[in-house]
């Protein structure tokens, strides 16, 4: 999410979505949003600890996250500080039925800034025609200095039960969240080869997932 990105903001207890902009941030701590024009007193709407739902469009996809208000600065600045989101969701990701699983996989991530490939062992927690959930265990991340980013390109190598050979899948990271097991990535498949698509379709068909 870049500076001056147009945001749709909905404040807990306020009926309407409001247009805002991202005007500042400190990584992993807070975002600074421009307070939109509202009906009523903004100090009564943008109250500390109130929850916000924020949506925005990036490269044709709709993303969103939930956060809460840290501080509101009215008058000269008219901005609101909100907590950095722990999870950003791609609202276009889950358009297919998912097959719940726990399959070991090799993951290769191409970093955005240094154009390096990072290799991890991971677990595929669910998979569909459109994407999957991949978890990288925390120990695998201890040596990584450059954090993974939304929109990073990821390559996945795994063996599917009943499918001969290793399946190669390529996608883009659409969401990230961390739990006690590791870093959980929501991946949307892109540019699958005909062979990979056919193997994936056969696996899902055999398991009655369409």
Protein backbone atom coordinates (compact mmCIF):
# COMPACT_ATOMS: atom_id res chain seq x y z
CA UNK A 1 0.00 0.00 0.00
CA UNK A 2 1.64 3.22 -1.21
CA UNK A 3 1.31 6.77 0.09
CA UNK A 4 -1.81 8.58 -1.15
CA UNK A 5 -3.54 5.24 -1.80
CA UNK A 6 -7.30 5.86 -1.76
CA UNK A 7 -8.90 4.04 1.16
CA UNK A 8 -12.48 3.19 2.10
CA UNK A 9 -12.69 3.45 5.88
CA UNK A 10 -15.53 2.26 8.11
CA UNK A 11 -15.43 3.17 11.80
CA UNK A 12 -17.12 0.98 14.40
CA UNK A 13 -20.52 2.48 15.21
CA UNK A 14 -20.53 4.87 12.22
CA UNK A 15 -22.95 3.84 9.45
CA UNK A 16 -21.11 5.04 6.33
CA UNK A 17 -17.86 4.21 4.60
CA UNK A 18 -15.59 7.23 4.25
CA UNK A 19 -12.91 8.10 1.68
CA UNK A 20 -9.42 8.59 3.11
CA UNK A 21 -5.71 8.44 2.14
CA UNK A 22 -2.56 6.90 3.53
CA UNK A 23 -0.24 9.80 4.38
CA UNK A 24 2.39 8.15 6.59
CA UNK A 25 3.58 5.01 8.37
CA UNK A 26 6.17 3.47 10.64
CA UNK A 27 6.76 -0.13 9.62
CA UNK A 28 5.14 -2.68 11.96
CA UNK A 29 3.92 0.07 14.34
CA UNK A 30 1.32 2.40 12.85
CA UNK A 31 -0.28 3.90 9.75
CA UNK A 32 -1.33 7.55 9.45
CA UNK A 33 -4.61 8.18 7.64
CA UNK A 34 -6.11 11.50 6.58
CA UNK A 35 -9.34 12.15 8.46
CA UNK A 36 -12.17 12.36 5.87
CA UNK A 37 -14.93 14.92 5.88
CA UNK A 38 -17.69 13.60 8.12
CA UNK A 39 -21.11 14.62 9.27
CA UNK A 40 -20.65 15.59 12.92
CA UNK A 41 -17.63 16.02 15.16
CA UNK A 42 -14.64 13.87 14.04
CA UNK A 43 -13.36 13.78 17.64
CA UNK A 44 -16.50 11.87 18.59
CA UNK A 45 -16.11 9.43 15.68
CA UNK A 46 -12.36 8.74 15.63
CA UNK A 47 -12.03 7.76 19.28
CA UNK A 48 -9.02 5.89 20.72
CA UNK A 49 -9.33 2.06 20.59
CA UNK A 50 -12.30 2.11 18.19
CA UNK A 51 -12.06 -0.52 15.47
CA UNK A 52 -11.71 0.36 11.79
CA UNK A 53 -12.20 -1.68 8.64
CA UNK A 54 -10.05 -0.42 5.77
CA UNK A 55 -10.36 -1.47 2.11
CA UNK A 56 -8.34 -0.44 -0.94
CA UNK A 57 -7.63 -1.46 -4.54
CA UNK A 58 -4.16 -2.47 -5.71
CA UNK A 59 -3.39 -3.70 -9.24
CA UNK A 60 -7.03 -4.53 -9.82
CA UNK A 61 -7.54 -6.55 -6.62
CA UNK A 62 -9.43 -5.48 -3.49
CA UNK A 63 -7.58 -5.81 -0.18
CA UNK A 64 -8.71 -5.08 3.35
CA UNK A 65 -7.77 -5.25 7.01
CA UNK A 66 -9.05 -4.51 10.49
CA UNK A 67 -7.23 -2.22 12.89
CA UNK A 68 -7.87 0.15 15.80
CA UNK A 69 -7.29 3.83 16.51
CA UNK A 70 -4.19 4.83 18.49
CA UNK A 71 -4.36 8.63 18.33
CA UNK A 72 -6.35 11.36 16.58
CA UNK A 73 -4.82 14.75 15.74
CA UNK A 74 -7.39 17.37 14.71
CA UNK A 75 -7.02 21.03 13.65
CA UNK A 76 -3.69 21.60 11.86
CA UNK A 77 -3.07 18.01 10.74
CA UNK A 78 -6.45 16.23 10.68
CA UNK A 79 -4.95 12.73 10.78
CA UNK A 80 -5.57 9.54 12.68
CA UNK A 81 -2.89 7.05 13.78
CA UNK A 82 -3.98 3.39 13.60
CA UNK A 83 -2.18 0.18 14.51
CA UNK A 84 -0.34 -1.57 11.69
CA UNK A 85 -2.52 -4.48 10.53
CA UNK A 86 -1.47 -7.97 11.57
CA UNK A 87 -3.21 -9.44 8.53
CA UNK A 88 -4.14 -8.09 5.10
CA UNK A 89 -6.75 -10.08 3.19
CA UNK A 90 -7.31 -10.33 -0.55
CA UNK A 91 -11.07 -10.28 -1.01
CA UNK A 92 -10.69 -11.85 -4.49
CA UNK A 93 -8.74 -14.88 -3.27
CA UNK A 94 -11.36 -17.37 -2.11
CA UNK A 95 -13.48 -17.92 -5.21
CA UNK A 96 -13.07 -21.73 -5.28
CA UNK A 97 -13.85 -24.54 -2.86
CA UNK A 98 -10.81 -25.56 -0.82
CA UNK A 99 -9.44 -29.01 0.01
CA UNK A 100 -8.18 -29.12 3.59
CA UNK A 101 -4.84 -30.93 3.83
CA UNK A 102 -1.41 -31.01 5.46
CA UNK A 103 1.16 -31.60 2.72
CA UNK A 104 4.91 -30.93 2.97
CA UNK A 105 6.23 -28.60 0.27
CA UNK A 106 9.28 -26.69 -0.87
CA UNK A 107 8.70 -22.96 -1.25
CA UNK A 108 10.84 -20.49 -3.19
CA UNK A 109 10.10 -16.78 -2.80
CA UNK A 110 11.52 -14.10 -5.09
CA UNK A 111 12.15 -10.99 -2.96
CA UNK A 112 10.92 -7.68 -4.32
CA UNK A 113 13.95 -5.46 -3.66
CA UNK A 114 17.00 -7.72 -3.97
CA UNK A 115 15.55 -10.13 -6.54
CA UNK A 116 16.86 -13.11 -4.53
CA UNK A 117 15.25 -16.49 -4.15
CA UNK A 118 14.60 -17.59 -0.56
CA UNK A 119 14.02 -21.32 -0.05
CA UNK A 120 11.88 -22.71 2.75
CA UNK A 121 10.30 -25.93 3.92
CA UNK A 122 6.59 -25.44 4.37
CA UNK A 123 3.18 -27.05 4.80
CA UNK A 124 0.22 -26.61 2.46
CA UNK A 125 -2.85 -26.35 4.71
CA UNK A 126 -5.50 -26.09 2.00
CA UNK A 127 -5.58 -25.94 -1.78
CA UNK A 128 -8.09 -25.06 -4.51
CA UNK A 129 -8.10 -24.29 -8.22
CA UNK A 130 -7.32 -20.69 -7.44
CA UNK A 131 -4.78 -20.81 -4.63
CA UNK A 132 -3.63 -22.31 -1.37
CA UNK A 133 -2.60 -21.61 2.21
CA UNK A 134 1.10 -22.21 2.86
CA UNK A 135 2.77 -22.09 6.29
CA UNK A 136 6.49 -21.48 6.74
CA UNK A 137 7.59 -22.66 10.20
CA UNK A 138 9.20 -20.06 12.46
CA UNK A 139 12.60 -21.79 12.56
CA UNK A 140 12.86 -21.44 8.78
CA UNK A 141 12.52 -17.66 9.10
CA UNK A 142 15.20 -17.05 11.74
CA UNK A 143 17.96 -16.32 9.19
CA UNK A 144 15.83 -14.14 6.89
CA UNK A 145 16.69 -10.45 7.22
CA UNK A 146 14.43 -9.14 4.45
CA UNK A 147 10.76 -9.70 5.30
CA UNK A 148 8.41 -11.27 2.81
CA UNK A 149 5.97 -8.87 1.19
CA UNK A 150 2.44 -8.91 -0.16
CA UNK A 151 2.59 -9.50 -3.95
CA UNK A 152 5.88 -11.46 -3.71
CA UNK A 153 6.15 -14.18 -6.37
CA UNK A 154 6.26 -17.67 -4.85
CA UNK A 155 7.01 -21.06 -6.40
CA UNK A 156 5.66 -24.21 -4.74
CA UNK A 157 6.84 -27.78 -5.25
CA UNK A 158 4.82 -30.60 -3.67
CA UNK A 159 3.61 -34.16 -4.16
CA UNK A 160 -0.16 -34.66 -4.28
CA UNK A 161 -1.60 -38.05 -3.25
CA UNK A 162 -2.61 -40.01 -6.33
CA UNK A 163 -0.70 -37.70 -8.71
CA UNK A 164 2.52 -38.95 -10.30
CA UNK A 165 5.62 -36.80 -9.94
CA UNK A 166 6.21 -33.44 -8.27
CA UNK A 167 3.69 -30.68 -8.89
CA UNK A 168 5.01 -27.18 -9.67
CA UNK A 169 2.74 -24.23 -8.85
CA UNK A 170 3.45 -20.51 -9.14
CA UNK A 171 1.54 -17.74 -7.44
CA UNK A 172 1.55 -14.38 -5.71
CA UNK A 173 1.38 -13.77 -1.97
CA UNK A 174 -1.97 -12.08 -1.30
CA UNK A 175 -2.13 -12.22 2.51
CA UNK A 176 0.20 -12.84 5.44
CA UNK A 177 -0.36 -13.50 9.11
CA UNK A 178 1.76 -15.06 11.84
CA UNK A 179 0.61 -17.56 14.43
CA UNK A 180 2.35 -19.84 16.93
CA UNK A 181 3.27 -22.29 14.14
CA UNK A 182 4.78 -19.89 11.65
CA UNK A 183 4.11 -17.41 8.86
CA UNK A 184 0.86 -18.21 7.04
CA UNK A 185 0.67 -17.10 3.40
CA UNK A 186 -2.45 -16.82 1.30
CA UNK A 187 -1.29 -17.61 -2.26
CA UNK A 188 -3.18 -16.96 -5.48
CA UNK A 189 -2.04 -19.13 -8.38
CA UNK A 190 -0.92 -17.39 -11.59
CA UNK A 191 0.48 -18.59 -14.92
CA UNK A 192 0.08 -22.31 -14.26
CA UNK A 193 1.29 -24.54 -17.07
CA UNK A 194 -1.20 -26.83 -18.78
CA UNK A 195 0.38 -29.85 -17.10
CA UNK A 196 0.26 -28.30 -13.62
CA UNK A 197 -3.34 -27.18 -14.08
CA UNK A 198 -4.36 -30.64 -15.30
CA UNK A 199 -2.64 -32.37 -12.35
CA UNK A 200 -4.24 -29.99 -9.86
CA UNK A 201 -7.69 -30.35 -11.46
CA UNK A 202 -7.39 -34.16 -11.36
CA UNK A 203 -6.44 -34.14 -7.67
CA UNK A 204 -9.34 -31.86 -6.76
CA UNK A 205 -11.75 -33.86 -8.93
CA UNK A 206 -10.65 -37.13 -7.32
CA UNK A 207 -11.37 -35.54 -3.95
CA UNK A 208 -14.69 -34.12 -5.21
CA UNK A 209 -13.60 -30.50 -4.95
CA UNK A 210 -14.65 -28.26 -7.86
